[in-house]
N, C-alpha and C. Protein backbone atom coordinates (compact mmCIF):
# COMPACT_ATOMS: atom_id res chain seq x y z
N MET A 1 122.19 120.27 279.21
CA MET A 1 122.62 121.28 280.33
C MET A 1 123.25 122.76 280.09
N THR A 2 122.91 122.93 278.79
CA THR A 2 123.38 124.27 278.23
C THR A 2 122.93 125.36 279.08
N SER A 3 121.76 125.47 279.44
CA SER A 3 121.12 126.60 280.41
C SER A 3 121.71 126.65 281.72
N LEU A 4 122.38 125.41 282.19
CA LEU A 4 122.93 125.43 283.52
C LEU A 4 124.58 126.06 283.28
N THR A 5 125.25 125.66 282.08
CA THR A 5 126.40 125.99 281.94
C THR A 5 126.38 127.56 281.77
N ALA A 6 125.31 128.11 281.01
CA ALA A 6 125.47 129.54 280.91
C ALA A 6 125.40 130.40 282.14
N ALA A 7 125.12 129.74 283.32
CA ALA A 7 124.94 130.53 284.50
C ALA A 7 126.46 130.38 285.18
N LYS A 8 127.37 129.87 284.46
CA LYS A 8 128.70 129.89 285.42
C LYS A 8 129.39 131.20 285.48
N HIS A 9 129.70 131.37 286.77
CA HIS A 9 130.53 132.58 286.96
C HIS A 9 129.73 133.70 287.07
N THR A 10 128.31 133.74 286.92
CA THR A 10 127.53 134.94 286.86
C THR A 10 126.55 135.25 288.16
N LEU A 11 126.75 134.41 289.16
CA LEU A 11 126.02 134.53 290.32
C LEU A 11 126.70 135.19 291.63
N ARG A 12 126.03 135.82 292.47
CA ARG A 12 126.60 136.39 293.52
C ARG A 12 126.49 135.27 294.71
N PHE A 13 125.57 134.34 294.63
CA PHE A 13 125.45 133.20 295.38
C PHE A 13 125.96 132.01 294.85
N PRO A 14 126.52 130.95 295.41
CA PRO A 14 127.02 129.83 294.73
C PRO A 14 125.92 128.89 294.29
N SER A 15 126.17 128.54 293.07
CA SER A 15 125.31 127.44 292.56
C SER A 15 125.58 126.13 293.29
N GLY A 16 124.65 125.17 293.08
CA GLY A 16 124.81 123.74 293.67
C GLY A 16 124.03 123.56 295.01
N LEU A 17 124.48 122.83 295.98
CA LEU A 17 123.89 122.44 297.20
C LEU A 17 124.05 123.37 298.18
N TYR A 18 123.01 124.02 298.77
CA TYR A 18 122.91 124.87 300.01
C TYR A 18 122.25 124.16 301.18
N GLY A 19 123.01 123.68 302.04
CA GLY A 19 122.72 122.92 303.17
C GLY A 19 122.07 123.84 304.18
N VAL A 20 121.07 123.26 304.79
CA VAL A 20 120.32 124.19 305.84
C VAL A 20 120.44 123.22 307.11
N THR A 21 120.95 123.67 308.36
CA THR A 21 121.16 123.03 309.42
C THR A 21 119.86 122.48 310.08
N PRO A 22 119.86 121.34 310.60
CA PRO A 22 118.82 120.72 311.44
C PRO A 22 119.08 121.40 312.80
N GLU A 23 117.95 121.27 313.73
CA GLU A 23 118.12 122.00 314.97
C GLU A 23 118.93 121.26 316.11
N TRP A 24 120.16 120.84 315.77
CA TRP A 24 120.80 120.06 316.67
C TRP A 24 121.70 121.16 317.81
N ASN A 25 121.96 120.60 318.82
CA ASN A 25 122.45 121.40 319.83
C ASN A 25 123.86 121.06 320.28
N ASP A 26 124.39 119.84 319.50
CA ASP A 26 125.64 119.34 319.89
C ASP A 26 126.66 120.11 318.75
N THR A 27 127.68 120.95 319.26
CA THR A 27 128.41 121.41 318.24
C THR A 27 129.37 120.38 317.52
N ASN A 28 129.76 119.51 318.05
CA ASN A 28 130.61 118.54 317.52
C ASN A 28 129.99 117.74 316.24
N THR A 29 128.75 117.29 316.57
CA THR A 29 128.02 116.47 315.82
C THR A 29 127.59 117.38 314.58
N LEU A 30 127.33 118.70 314.68
CA LEU A 30 126.94 119.52 313.68
C LEU A 30 128.08 119.78 312.72
N GLU A 31 129.25 119.97 313.38
CA GLU A 31 130.27 120.44 312.67
C GLU A 31 130.99 119.20 311.90
N GLN A 32 130.92 118.05 312.39
CA GLN A 32 131.22 116.82 311.57
C GLN A 32 130.21 116.51 310.40
N ALA A 33 129.01 116.93 310.72
CA ALA A 33 128.17 116.74 309.58
C ALA A 33 128.32 117.70 308.37
N VAL A 34 128.56 118.86 308.82
CA VAL A 34 129.03 119.90 307.85
C VAL A 34 130.11 119.76 307.04
N ARG A 35 131.22 119.20 307.59
CA ARG A 35 132.40 118.78 307.01
C ARG A 35 132.06 117.65 305.95
N ALA A 36 131.14 116.67 306.39
CA ALA A 36 130.99 115.67 305.29
C ALA A 36 130.21 116.22 304.22
N ALA A 37 129.30 116.97 304.54
CA ALA A 37 128.65 117.78 303.39
C ALA A 37 129.47 118.40 302.34
N ALA A 38 130.47 119.15 302.98
CA ALA A 38 131.41 120.09 302.13
C ALA A 38 132.40 119.05 301.43
N ARG A 39 132.58 117.91 301.85
CA ARG A 39 133.44 117.07 301.11
C ARG A 39 132.36 116.57 299.81
N GLY A 40 131.28 116.24 300.02
CA GLY A 40 130.50 115.96 298.98
C GLY A 40 130.02 117.04 297.84
N GLY A 41 130.34 118.20 298.19
CA GLY A 41 130.23 119.40 297.23
C GLY A 41 129.33 120.51 297.84
N MET A 42 128.79 120.39 298.96
CA MET A 42 127.98 121.59 299.56
C MET A 42 128.74 122.95 299.57
N ARG A 43 128.23 123.92 298.81
CA ARG A 43 128.91 125.20 298.70
C ARG A 43 128.42 126.36 299.35
N ALA A 44 127.16 126.07 300.05
CA ALA A 44 126.84 127.16 301.04
C ALA A 44 125.89 126.59 302.18
N LEU A 45 125.90 127.24 303.32
CA LEU A 45 125.36 126.61 304.49
C LEU A 45 124.45 127.70 305.16
N GLN A 46 123.26 127.42 305.56
CA GLN A 46 122.47 128.37 306.50
C GLN A 46 122.17 127.72 307.68
N PHE A 47 122.54 128.47 308.76
CA PHE A 47 122.28 128.18 310.24
C PHE A 47 120.99 128.49 310.34
N ARG A 48 120.19 127.46 310.65
CA ARG A 48 118.62 127.70 311.19
C ARG A 48 118.53 127.03 312.34
N HIS A 49 118.25 127.79 313.31
CA HIS A 49 118.04 127.30 314.77
C HIS A 49 117.07 128.27 315.42
N LYS A 50 115.77 127.75 315.82
CA LYS A 50 114.79 128.66 316.20
C LYS A 50 114.80 128.65 318.00
N SER A 51 115.76 128.14 318.59
CA SER A 51 115.99 128.15 320.04
C SER A 51 115.74 129.58 320.44
N PRO A 52 115.08 129.88 321.62
CA PRO A 52 115.16 131.16 322.25
C PRO A 52 116.37 131.42 322.90
N ASP A 53 117.28 130.40 323.29
CA ASP A 53 118.59 130.64 323.85
C ASP A 53 119.52 131.25 323.02
N ARG A 54 119.60 132.48 323.11
CA ARG A 54 120.57 133.26 322.02
C ARG A 54 122.07 132.86 322.36
N GLY A 55 122.35 132.48 323.72
CA GLY A 55 123.70 132.06 323.79
C GLY A 55 124.08 130.85 323.11
N LEU A 56 123.12 129.99 323.33
CA LEU A 56 123.38 128.46 322.53
C LEU A 56 123.53 128.73 321.15
N ARG A 57 122.66 129.64 320.44
CA ARG A 57 122.58 129.99 319.09
C ARG A 57 123.87 130.70 318.72
N LYS A 58 124.33 131.58 319.42
CA LYS A 58 125.56 132.11 319.13
C LYS A 58 126.80 131.13 319.17
N GLU A 59 126.76 130.38 320.17
CA GLU A 59 128.11 129.35 320.27
C GLU A 59 128.02 128.39 319.18
N LEU A 60 126.89 127.99 318.61
CA LEU A 60 126.79 127.06 317.50
C LEU A 60 127.10 127.86 316.30
N ALA A 61 126.72 128.92 316.04
CA ALA A 61 126.88 129.79 314.80
C ALA A 61 128.19 130.16 314.77
N GLN A 62 128.90 130.53 315.84
CA GLN A 62 130.26 131.02 315.76
C GLN A 62 131.18 129.90 315.32
N GLY A 63 130.91 128.61 316.01
CA GLY A 63 131.76 127.62 315.46
C GLY A 63 131.53 127.30 313.91
N LEU A 64 130.38 127.29 313.54
CA LEU A 64 130.02 127.00 311.97
C LEU A 64 130.67 128.13 311.17
N ALA A 65 130.63 129.54 311.67
CA ALA A 65 131.19 130.48 310.83
C ALA A 65 132.72 130.32 310.52
N THR A 66 133.45 129.82 311.68
CA THR A 66 134.86 129.59 311.59
C THR A 66 135.09 128.34 310.82
N LEU A 67 134.07 127.25 310.89
CA LEU A 67 134.49 126.12 310.14
C LEU A 67 134.19 126.52 308.55
N CYS A 68 133.14 127.39 308.11
CA CYS A 68 132.71 127.50 306.92
C CYS A 68 133.92 128.45 306.15
N ARG A 69 134.52 129.22 307.08
CA ARG A 69 135.65 130.02 306.44
C ARG A 69 136.88 129.00 305.93
N GLU A 70 137.12 128.08 307.04
CA GLU A 70 138.10 127.05 306.53
C GLU A 70 137.72 126.24 305.42
N LEU A 71 136.61 125.72 305.16
CA LEU A 71 136.02 125.08 304.09
C LEU A 71 135.77 125.76 302.99
N ASN A 72 135.83 127.12 302.86
CA ASN A 72 135.35 127.83 301.71
C ASN A 72 133.96 127.65 301.34
N VAL A 73 133.05 127.59 302.36
CA VAL A 73 131.74 127.45 302.23
C VAL A 73 130.97 128.76 302.71
N THR A 74 130.14 129.35 301.83
CA THR A 74 129.39 130.42 302.03
C THR A 74 128.38 130.26 303.23
N PHE A 75 128.45 131.14 304.19
CA PHE A 75 127.71 130.85 305.41
C PHE A 75 126.75 131.93 305.62
N PHE A 76 125.46 131.65 305.81
CA PHE A 76 124.32 132.41 306.08
C PHE A 76 123.63 132.20 307.49
N ILE A 77 123.25 133.01 308.04
CA ILE A 77 122.27 132.84 309.24
C ILE A 77 120.80 133.25 309.01
N ASN A 78 119.93 132.22 309.40
CA ASN A 78 118.56 132.42 309.11
C ASN A 78 117.96 133.44 310.38
N ASP A 79 117.46 134.56 309.83
CA ASP A 79 116.47 135.50 310.57
C ASP A 79 117.42 136.51 311.37
N ASP A 80 118.27 136.00 312.38
CA ASP A 80 119.02 136.87 313.28
C ASP A 80 120.05 137.65 312.73
N TRP A 81 119.74 138.88 312.06
CA TRP A 81 120.69 139.75 311.35
C TRP A 81 121.66 140.35 312.28
N ARG A 82 121.20 140.62 313.53
CA ARG A 82 122.21 141.22 314.45
C ARG A 82 123.25 140.19 314.63
N LEU A 83 122.98 138.90 314.90
CA LEU A 83 124.01 137.75 315.19
C LEU A 83 125.00 137.79 313.91
N ALA A 84 124.27 137.79 312.71
CA ALA A 84 124.92 137.80 311.54
C ALA A 84 126.21 138.87 311.45
N LEU A 85 125.73 140.04 311.81
CA LEU A 85 126.50 141.21 311.86
C LEU A 85 127.66 141.13 312.85
N GLU A 86 127.28 140.49 313.88
CA GLU A 86 128.24 140.27 315.01
C GLU A 86 129.17 139.32 314.69
N LEU A 87 129.02 138.40 313.95
CA LEU A 87 129.92 137.20 313.52
C LEU A 87 130.58 137.41 312.24
N LYS A 88 130.11 138.56 311.50
CA LYS A 88 130.49 138.89 310.28
C LYS A 88 130.52 137.72 309.29
N THR A 89 129.22 137.08 309.33
CA THR A 89 128.93 136.00 308.25
C THR A 89 128.74 136.69 306.76
N ASP A 90 128.68 135.78 305.81
CA ASP A 90 128.59 136.08 304.52
C ASP A 90 127.13 136.76 304.21
N GLY A 91 126.18 136.26 304.85
CA GLY A 91 124.88 136.58 304.55
C GLY A 91 123.81 136.30 305.48
N ILE A 92 122.61 136.75 305.33
CA ILE A 92 121.46 136.38 306.03
C ILE A 92 120.25 136.22 305.30
N HIS A 93 119.34 135.07 305.81
CA HIS A 93 118.24 134.73 305.00
C HIS A 93 117.12 135.31 305.86
N LEU A 94 116.00 135.78 305.27
CA LEU A 94 114.85 136.31 305.84
C LEU A 94 113.46 135.60 305.13
N GLY A 95 112.67 135.22 306.09
CA GLY A 95 111.38 134.65 305.56
C GLY A 95 110.29 135.73 305.96
N GLN A 96 108.92 135.33 305.65
CA GLN A 96 107.89 136.26 305.80
C GLN A 96 107.64 136.76 307.16
N HIS A 97 107.95 135.90 308.18
CA HIS A 97 107.72 136.63 309.60
C HIS A 97 109.02 137.02 310.27
N ASP A 98 109.88 137.52 309.41
CA ASP A 98 111.06 138.04 309.94
C ASP A 98 110.95 139.58 309.73
N ASP A 99 112.08 140.25 310.12
CA ASP A 99 111.97 141.69 310.08
C ASP A 99 111.90 142.03 308.61
N PRO A 100 111.39 143.23 308.37
CA PRO A 100 111.26 143.72 306.87
C PRO A 100 112.49 143.74 306.24
N VAL A 101 112.41 143.18 304.95
CA VAL A 101 113.68 143.32 304.08
C VAL A 101 114.42 144.53 303.89
N ALA A 102 113.41 145.64 303.82
CA ALA A 102 113.94 146.91 303.53
C ALA A 102 114.85 147.53 304.77
N MET A 103 114.23 147.25 306.01
CA MET A 103 114.86 147.74 307.14
C MET A 103 116.30 146.85 307.40
N VAL A 104 116.23 145.38 307.15
CA VAL A 104 117.32 144.72 307.24
C VAL A 104 118.53 145.14 306.31
N ARG A 105 118.09 145.45 305.07
CA ARG A 105 119.16 145.88 304.16
C ARG A 105 119.93 147.13 304.61
N SER A 106 119.06 147.95 305.08
CA SER A 106 119.59 149.27 305.59
C SER A 106 120.57 149.06 306.88
N GLU A 107 120.12 147.91 307.60
CA GLU A 107 121.01 147.80 308.87
C GLU A 107 122.39 147.04 308.44
N ILE A 108 122.34 146.05 307.66
CA ILE A 108 123.47 145.28 307.37
C ILE A 108 124.46 145.90 306.33
N GLY A 109 123.95 146.97 305.53
CA GLY A 109 124.77 147.62 304.57
C GLY A 109 124.78 146.91 303.29
N PRO A 110 125.47 147.44 302.33
CA PRO A 110 125.47 146.84 301.01
C PRO A 110 126.41 145.62 300.79
N ASP A 111 127.26 145.40 301.76
CA ASP A 111 128.23 144.31 301.50
C ASP A 111 127.78 142.83 301.92
N MET A 112 126.75 142.71 302.82
CA MET A 112 126.35 141.43 303.18
C MET A 112 125.44 140.89 302.33
N LEU A 113 125.42 139.53 301.97
CA LEU A 113 124.59 138.89 301.12
C LEU A 113 123.22 138.66 301.83
N LEU A 114 122.15 138.94 300.99
CA LEU A 114 120.77 138.80 301.65
C LEU A 114 119.95 137.79 300.69
N GLY A 115 119.33 136.85 301.33
CA GLY A 115 118.42 135.91 300.56
C GLY A 115 117.02 136.09 301.31
N VAL A 116 116.18 135.71 300.52
CA VAL A 116 114.87 135.83 300.72
C VAL A 116 113.89 134.72 300.49
N SER A 117 112.92 134.45 301.32
CA SER A 117 111.99 133.48 300.79
C SER A 117 110.84 134.00 300.12
N CYS A 118 110.45 133.35 298.97
CA CYS A 118 109.34 134.21 297.93
C CYS A 118 108.16 132.90 297.95
N TYR A 119 108.43 131.97 298.44
CA TYR A 119 107.31 130.88 298.33
C TYR A 119 106.77 130.44 297.06
N ALA A 120 105.62 130.62 296.66
CA ALA A 120 105.26 130.29 295.23
C ALA A 120 104.82 131.62 294.64
N LYS A 121 105.56 132.61 294.94
CA LYS A 121 105.12 134.02 294.63
C LYS A 121 106.08 134.99 293.55
N PRO A 122 106.06 134.75 292.38
CA PRO A 122 107.03 135.41 291.57
C PRO A 122 106.97 137.05 291.81
N GLN A 123 105.61 137.53 292.07
CA GLN A 123 105.37 138.97 292.32
C GLN A 123 106.18 139.38 293.51
N LEU A 124 106.25 138.53 294.52
CA LEU A 124 107.10 138.89 295.73
C LEU A 124 108.31 138.99 295.49
N ALA A 125 108.80 138.13 294.83
CA ALA A 125 110.25 138.04 294.40
C ALA A 125 110.62 139.33 293.56
N GLN A 126 109.77 139.67 292.66
CA GLN A 126 110.09 141.01 291.88
C GLN A 126 110.13 142.03 292.76
N GLU A 127 109.23 142.15 293.92
CA GLU A 127 109.37 143.30 294.79
C GLU A 127 110.46 143.20 295.68
N LEU A 128 111.03 142.14 296.15
CA LEU A 128 112.21 141.98 296.89
C LEU A 128 113.50 142.10 296.23
N LEU A 129 113.52 141.90 295.05
CA LEU A 129 114.84 141.97 294.16
C LEU A 129 115.37 143.48 294.23
N GLN A 130 114.61 144.42 294.56
CA GLN A 130 115.00 145.78 294.43
C GLN A 130 115.94 146.24 295.82
N TYR A 131 116.11 145.12 296.60
CA TYR A 131 116.72 145.28 297.90
C TYR A 131 118.12 144.68 297.57
N ASP A 132 118.51 144.52 296.43
CA ASP A 132 119.94 143.82 296.04
C ASP A 132 120.11 142.50 296.85
N VAL A 133 119.11 141.61 296.54
CA VAL A 133 119.22 140.29 297.16
C VAL A 133 120.26 139.30 296.26
N ALA A 134 120.82 138.53 296.96
CA ALA A 134 121.76 137.51 296.37
C ALA A 134 120.94 136.37 295.99
N TYR A 135 119.77 136.13 296.54
CA TYR A 135 118.94 135.00 296.01
C TYR A 135 117.65 135.09 296.34
N ILE A 136 116.64 134.63 295.42
CA ILE A 136 115.25 134.57 295.81
C ILE A 136 114.92 132.94 295.81
N ALA A 137 114.41 132.61 297.04
CA ALA A 137 114.03 131.05 297.27
C ALA A 137 112.63 130.78 297.06
N PHE A 138 112.24 129.68 296.38
CA PHE A 138 110.81 129.29 296.12
C PHE A 138 110.74 127.98 296.73
N GLY A 139 109.58 127.61 297.35
CA GLY A 139 109.12 126.42 297.82
C GLY A 139 107.85 126.59 298.72
N ALA A 140 107.26 125.40 299.27
CA ALA A 140 107.81 124.11 299.12
C ALA A 140 107.75 123.52 297.75
N MET A 141 108.90 122.93 297.29
CA MET A 141 108.66 122.48 295.90
C MET A 141 108.01 120.93 295.95
N TYR A 142 108.35 120.23 297.03
CA TYR A 142 107.70 119.01 297.61
C TYR A 142 107.31 119.05 299.08
N ALA A 143 106.58 117.95 299.49
CA ALA A 143 106.13 118.01 300.90
C ALA A 143 107.27 118.03 301.79
N SER A 144 107.25 118.83 302.79
CA SER A 144 108.39 119.22 303.69
C SER A 144 108.04 118.71 305.14
N GLN A 145 108.99 118.03 305.76
CA GLN A 145 108.69 117.73 307.10
C GLN A 145 109.11 118.84 307.95
N THR A 146 110.01 119.78 307.46
CA THR A 146 110.30 120.83 308.24
C THR A 146 109.02 121.83 308.39
N LYS A 147 108.42 122.15 307.25
CA LYS A 147 107.31 123.10 307.12
C LYS A 147 106.35 122.27 306.44
N PRO A 148 105.55 121.44 307.19
CA PRO A 148 104.44 120.58 306.59
C PRO A 148 103.15 121.35 306.09
N LEU A 149 103.04 122.55 306.58
CA LEU A 149 101.83 123.41 306.24
C LEU A 149 102.18 124.42 305.01
N ALA A 150 103.40 124.37 304.65
CA ALA A 150 103.92 125.27 303.48
C ALA A 150 103.12 125.02 302.35
N PRO A 151 102.65 125.86 301.43
CA PRO A 151 101.82 125.67 300.40
C PRO A 151 102.81 125.29 299.23
N PRO A 152 102.31 124.36 298.42
CA PRO A 152 103.26 123.84 297.30
C PRO A 152 103.56 124.83 296.25
N ALA A 153 104.75 124.96 295.64
CA ALA A 153 105.27 125.58 294.63
C ALA A 153 105.29 124.77 293.39
N PRO A 154 104.74 125.37 292.43
CA PRO A 154 105.03 124.50 290.98
C PRO A 154 106.29 124.60 290.53
N LEU A 155 106.87 123.78 289.79
CA LEU A 155 108.18 123.89 289.00
C LEU A 155 108.29 125.09 288.28
N SER A 156 107.21 125.52 287.55
CA SER A 156 107.28 126.77 286.65
C SER A 156 107.68 127.93 287.51
N VAL A 157 107.52 128.05 288.74
CA VAL A 157 107.96 129.21 289.49
C VAL A 157 109.56 129.41 289.35
N LEU A 158 110.20 128.31 289.23
CA LEU A 158 111.69 128.58 289.41
C LEU A 158 112.10 129.18 287.84
N GLY A 159 111.42 128.87 286.77
CA GLY A 159 111.66 129.50 285.54
C GLY A 159 111.21 130.88 285.56
N GLU A 160 110.24 131.12 286.13
CA GLU A 160 109.78 132.79 286.25
C GLU A 160 110.60 133.47 287.19
N GLY A 161 111.36 132.90 288.22
CA GLY A 161 112.19 133.53 288.98
C GLY A 161 113.60 133.72 288.39
N ARG A 162 113.82 132.78 287.39
CA ARG A 162 115.01 133.01 286.76
C ARG A 162 114.85 134.01 285.74
N THR A 163 113.68 134.25 284.88
CA THR A 163 113.56 135.25 284.10
C THR A 163 113.71 136.62 284.78
N LEU A 164 113.07 136.85 285.94
CA LEU A 164 113.34 137.88 286.70
C LEU A 164 114.73 138.18 287.10
N CYS A 165 115.45 137.29 287.48
CA CYS A 165 116.72 137.51 287.79
C CYS A 165 117.65 137.80 286.66
N ALA A 166 117.25 137.18 285.40
CA ALA A 166 118.11 137.60 284.26
C ALA A 166 118.10 139.03 283.79
N GLN A 167 117.27 139.80 284.37
CA GLN A 167 117.22 141.25 283.99
C GLN A 167 118.24 142.13 284.83
N TYR A 168 118.90 141.43 285.76
CA TYR A 168 119.79 142.16 286.59
C TYR A 168 121.44 142.07 285.93
N VAL A 169 122.19 143.00 286.17
CA VAL A 169 123.34 142.93 285.55
C VAL A 169 124.35 142.00 286.37
N SER A 170 125.01 141.17 285.75
CA SER A 170 125.92 140.12 286.21
C SER A 170 126.91 140.70 287.37
N PRO A 171 126.99 140.17 288.53
CA PRO A 171 126.51 138.83 288.95
C PRO A 171 124.91 138.94 289.22
N ARG A 172 124.18 138.12 288.75
CA ARG A 172 122.74 138.14 288.89
C ARG A 172 122.32 137.58 290.16
N PRO A 173 121.18 137.79 290.76
CA PRO A 173 120.61 136.99 291.81
C PRO A 173 120.38 135.52 291.46
N ALA A 174 120.52 134.60 292.36
CA ALA A 174 120.30 133.21 292.01
C ALA A 174 118.81 132.86 292.34
N VAL A 175 118.52 131.70 291.90
CA VAL A 175 116.93 131.14 292.23
C VAL A 175 117.41 129.97 293.13
N VAL A 176 116.94 129.85 294.32
CA VAL A 176 117.06 128.78 295.11
C VAL A 176 115.61 127.90 295.34
N ALA A 177 115.72 126.66 295.14
CA ALA A 177 114.49 125.62 295.49
C ALA A 177 114.66 125.07 296.77
N ILE A 178 113.52 125.10 297.45
CA ILE A 178 113.57 124.50 298.85
C ILE A 178 112.34 123.80 299.11
N GLY A 179 112.44 122.95 300.05
CA GLY A 179 111.22 122.24 300.62
C GLY A 179 111.11 120.71 299.93
N GLY A 180 111.34 119.66 300.96
CA GLY A 180 111.24 118.33 300.56
C GLY A 180 112.14 117.86 299.48
N ILE A 181 113.06 118.40 299.30
CA ILE A 181 114.00 118.07 298.12
C ILE A 181 115.03 116.99 298.44
N GLY A 182 114.80 115.81 297.68
CA GLY A 182 115.99 114.73 297.79
C GLY A 182 116.65 114.53 296.57
N PRO A 183 117.71 113.64 296.45
CA PRO A 183 118.68 113.49 295.26
C PRO A 183 117.72 113.19 294.01
N GLN A 184 116.70 112.50 294.21
CA GLN A 184 115.88 112.17 292.91
C GLN A 184 115.24 113.49 292.33
N HIS A 185 115.16 114.47 293.11
CA HIS A 185 114.53 115.64 292.52
C HIS A 185 115.52 116.62 291.96
N ALA A 186 116.90 116.53 292.01
CA ALA A 186 117.73 117.42 291.81
C ALA A 186 118.00 117.83 290.29
N GLN A 187 117.97 117.00 289.59
CA GLN A 187 118.12 117.13 287.98
C GLN A 187 116.83 117.87 287.61
N ALA A 188 115.81 117.47 287.91
CA ALA A 188 114.40 118.24 287.37
C ALA A 188 114.44 119.65 288.05
N LEU A 189 114.79 119.85 289.05
CA LEU A 189 114.87 121.24 289.75
C LEU A 189 115.86 122.13 288.92
N ALA A 190 117.14 121.54 288.73
CA ALA A 190 118.11 122.20 288.00
C ALA A 190 117.54 122.70 286.58
N LEU A 191 116.97 121.75 285.91
CA LEU A 191 116.57 121.88 284.57
C LEU A 191 115.35 122.92 284.56
N ALA A 192 114.50 122.98 285.57
CA ALA A 192 113.59 123.73 285.63
C ALA A 192 113.88 125.23 285.91
N GLY A 193 115.23 125.53 286.29
CA GLY A 193 115.60 126.83 286.58
C GLY A 193 116.26 127.13 287.87
N ALA A 194 116.31 126.11 288.80
CA ALA A 194 117.05 126.31 290.03
C ALA A 194 118.62 126.49 289.89
N ASP A 195 119.16 127.53 290.43
CA ASP A 195 120.69 127.57 290.59
C ASP A 195 121.24 126.86 291.81
N SER A 196 120.34 126.64 292.67
CA SER A 196 120.73 126.02 293.93
C SER A 196 119.69 125.28 294.72
N LEU A 197 119.85 124.25 295.43
CA LEU A 197 118.98 123.62 296.07
C LEU A 197 119.24 123.68 297.66
N ALA A 198 118.15 124.00 298.51
CA ALA A 198 118.28 124.28 299.85
C ALA A 198 117.74 122.89 300.60
N VAL A 199 118.47 122.28 301.33
CA VAL A 199 118.19 121.01 301.78
C VAL A 199 118.49 120.70 303.28
N ILE A 200 117.61 120.32 303.90
CA ILE A 200 117.84 119.85 305.20
C ILE A 200 117.84 118.25 305.49
N GLY A 201 116.69 117.72 305.39
CA GLY A 201 116.61 116.36 305.83
C GLY A 201 117.28 115.38 305.03
N SER A 202 117.06 115.37 303.55
CA SER A 202 117.81 114.50 302.91
C SER A 202 119.20 114.68 302.80
N LEU A 203 119.75 115.68 303.25
CA LEU A 203 121.18 115.90 303.47
C LEU A 203 121.70 115.44 304.88
N PHE A 204 121.24 116.21 305.87
CA PHE A 204 121.85 115.76 307.23
C PHE A 204 121.20 114.73 307.92
N MET A 205 120.14 114.20 307.58
CA MET A 205 119.46 113.00 307.92
C MET A 205 119.93 111.76 307.30
N ALA A 206 120.69 112.00 306.17
CA ALA A 206 121.03 110.75 305.42
C ALA A 206 122.19 109.90 306.27
N PRO A 207 122.05 108.60 305.82
CA PRO A 207 123.02 107.60 306.47
C PRO A 207 124.35 107.94 306.08
N ASP A 208 124.68 108.48 304.84
CA ASP A 208 126.00 108.80 304.39
C ASP A 208 125.83 110.31 303.76
N ILE A 209 126.13 111.33 304.68
CA ILE A 209 126.03 112.66 304.38
C ILE A 209 126.81 113.13 303.28
N GLU A 210 128.02 112.56 303.19
CA GLU A 210 128.86 112.98 301.92
C GLU A 210 128.26 112.43 300.53
N ALA A 211 127.80 111.26 300.59
CA ALA A 211 127.28 110.73 299.32
C ALA A 211 126.07 111.50 299.18
N ALA A 212 125.19 111.81 300.15
CA ALA A 212 123.95 112.49 299.75
C ALA A 212 124.28 113.93 299.08
N ALA A 213 125.37 114.63 299.70
CA ALA A 213 125.64 115.81 299.23
C ALA A 213 126.08 115.76 297.71
N ARG A 214 126.89 114.74 297.43
CA ARG A 214 127.36 114.43 296.09
C ARG A 214 126.28 114.26 295.30
N ALA A 215 125.27 113.55 295.51
CA ALA A 215 124.03 113.26 294.60
C ALA A 215 123.35 114.51 294.41
N LEU A 216 123.14 115.45 295.42
CA LEU A 216 122.38 116.49 295.35
C LEU A 216 123.08 117.67 294.47
N SER A 217 124.45 117.46 294.37
CA SER A 217 125.32 118.43 293.85
C SER A 217 125.43 118.13 292.31
N GLN A 218 125.17 116.90 292.03
CA GLN A 218 125.66 116.42 290.61
C GLN A 218 125.06 117.09 289.46
N PRO A 219 123.88 117.56 289.59
CA PRO A 219 123.54 118.30 288.20
C PRO A 219 124.25 119.68 288.15
N PHE A 220 124.86 120.16 289.20
CA PHE A 220 125.46 121.56 289.08
C PHE A 220 127.00 121.30 289.09
N SER A 221 127.46 120.01 289.12
CA SER A 221 129.02 120.00 289.02
C SER A 221 129.80 120.62 288.09
N SER A 222 129.22 120.72 286.77
CA SER A 222 130.02 121.52 285.78
C SER A 222 130.22 122.99 286.00
N LEU A 223 129.60 123.55 287.20
CA LEU A 223 129.64 124.86 287.40
C LEU A 223 130.54 125.09 288.51
N VAL A 224 131.03 123.99 289.21
CA VAL A 224 131.94 124.35 290.50
C VAL A 224 133.30 124.53 290.05
């Protein structure tokens, strides 16, 4: 685990488990699940909700933003950078169909963290790193129920991403793995170069969310 230990205290984005919310509409259910995940070691959370009802999304996100401050969990919003600015969240995550990264960086300013999806494309990561991103995310690492049509990403892309990120002055950008990840994959992904694992189903759909979070966090426990 030497390569993992070497990453300690050098990242802008937390190492370990990065929870991504399922599209639940019940605030209480969502917040109780997040509390359980945080007890198990989750260190960051992304609010991902594609409902066109902005009022609902704002209500859910506002509750989670407050909760994450209480729990000391880094909080990101997926796609909606205007809502992220309004709620003063820690960061915003952008994918290929969202607003351009250059434009969003100029709108959110230098202080808000920015994460980007790079799929299986190290060349895209290299291009986007110039916008002072906190992490580059690769995937789907495994078959994903959330995005079943996502092209697969080989384990080797994590190491390539790690090499790209190592060129930046500490704190360096993190490498995030996403897509179909379960506890059985955590160790291999960490050893391949992932600093963090973004997880929806095997975390929030688990019968014991706290235990699932603990298992997914285990390879990174020496860094927390």
